[in-house]
């Protein structure tokens, strides 16, 4: 059967490039990868892999929240004038 249908997907340019790089290492295009995914989904009757929420420990969740707060401007990122100053701060956290 000839390929006659189009699917348009909007995605971040970095993600597109990473996918192109990955799939080209297998010798296929992103279009081929999407086709494989769709055919496998049809054969499996659903996603061909388990979909679940990632589970992070409390320390990781706190770090992700801190990163979001820094990016949104809620808190100011720490900065150091020298490497020694950074290392002293890191050692003090232990």
Protein backbone atom coordinates (compact mmCIF):
# COMPACT_ATOMS: atom_id res chain seq x y z
CA UNK A 1 0.00 0.00 0.00
CA UNK A 2 1.40 3.40 -0.97
CA UNK A 3 2.04 5.99 1.72
CA UNK A 4 -0.52 8.70 1.07
CA UNK A 5 -1.43 10.13 4.47
CA UNK A 6 0.49 12.86 6.28
CA UNK A 7 0.89 13.47 9.99
CA UNK A 8 2.17 16.89 11.07
CA UNK A 9 3.85 17.14 14.46
CA UNK A 10 5.14 20.25 16.21
CA UNK A 11 8.10 19.59 18.45
CA UNK A 12 11.06 21.48 19.84
CA UNK A 13 13.94 21.76 17.33
CA UNK A 14 16.41 20.24 19.81
CA UNK A 15 14.21 17.16 20.30
CA UNK A 16 13.81 16.78 16.53
CA UNK A 17 17.57 16.96 16.02
CA UNK A 18 18.25 14.46 18.82
CA UNK A 19 15.68 12.06 17.31
CA UNK A 20 17.18 12.46 13.83
CA UNK A 21 20.66 11.77 15.21
CA UNK A 22 19.46 8.72 17.15
CA UNK A 23 17.46 7.14 14.35
CA UNK A 24 20.10 7.85 11.70
CA UNK A 25 22.50 5.80 13.84
CA UNK A 26 20.11 2.88 13.17
CA UNK A 27 19.99 3.73 9.48
CA UNK A 28 16.39 4.95 9.53
CA UNK A 29 14.62 8.30 9.38
CA UNK A 30 12.29 9.83 11.95
CA UNK A 31 9.45 9.04 9.53
CA UNK A 32 10.51 5.37 9.48
CA UNK A 33 10.70 5.34 13.29
CA UNK A 34 7.21 6.82 13.61
CA UNK A 35 5.88 4.27 11.11
CA UNK A 36 7.49 1.44 13.10
CA UNK A 37 5.96 2.83 16.30
CA UNK A 38 2.48 3.05 14.75
CA UNK A 39 2.62 -0.44 13.21
CA UNK A 40 3.89 -1.95 16.46
CA UNK A 41 1.16 -0.14 18.43
CA UNK A 42 -1.48 -1.59 16.11
CA UNK A 43 -0.04 -5.10 16.47
CA UNK A 44 0.16 -4.78 20.27
CA UNK A 45 -3.24 -3.16 20.60
CA UNK A 46 -1.76 -0.22 22.48
CA UNK A 47 1.55 1.30 23.33
CA UNK A 48 4.40 -1.12 22.66
CA UNK A 49 5.95 -0.22 26.01
CA UNK A 50 4.79 0.45 29.54
CA UNK A 51 3.79 4.03 30.25
CA UNK A 52 4.16 5.15 33.83
CA UNK A 53 4.94 8.21 35.86
CA UNK A 54 8.60 8.63 36.76
CA UNK A 55 9.30 8.17 40.44
CA UNK A 56 11.81 10.47 42.03
CA UNK A 57 13.09 10.54 45.58
CA UNK A 58 12.50 13.59 47.78
CA UNK A 59 15.98 15.00 47.16
CA UNK A 60 15.50 14.88 43.38
CA UNK A 61 12.05 16.46 43.62
CA UNK A 62 13.46 19.26 45.77
CA UNK A 63 16.30 19.84 43.29
CA UNK A 64 13.86 19.98 40.37
CA UNK A 65 11.68 22.46 42.25
CA UNK A 66 14.72 24.60 43.06
CA UNK A 67 15.69 24.61 39.38
CA UNK A 68 12.17 25.68 38.40
CA UNK A 69 12.23 28.43 41.04
CA UNK A 70 15.59 29.70 39.74
CA UNK A 71 14.36 29.69 36.15
CA UNK A 72 11.17 31.54 37.06
CA UNK A 73 13.06 34.11 39.11
CA UNK A 74 11.46 33.16 42.45
CA UNK A 75 14.89 32.57 43.94
CA UNK A 76 18.33 33.76 42.89
CA UNK A 77 20.91 31.21 41.82
CA UNK A 78 23.99 30.95 43.99
CA UNK A 79 27.18 32.25 42.45
CA UNK A 80 30.82 32.03 43.46
CA UNK A 81 33.83 34.19 42.63
CA UNK A 82 36.38 31.39 42.79
CA UNK A 83 36.51 27.63 42.55
CA UNK A 84 37.76 27.48 46.14
CA UNK A 85 34.71 29.44 47.31
CA UNK A 86 32.46 26.94 45.50
CA UNK A 87 34.30 23.97 46.99
CA UNK A 88 34.09 25.44 50.51
CA UNK A 89 30.33 25.89 50.10
CA UNK A 90 29.93 22.33 48.84
CA UNK A 91 31.99 20.93 51.72
CA UNK A 92 29.96 22.98 54.23
CA UNK A 93 26.75 21.29 52.98
CA UNK A 94 28.01 17.88 54.11
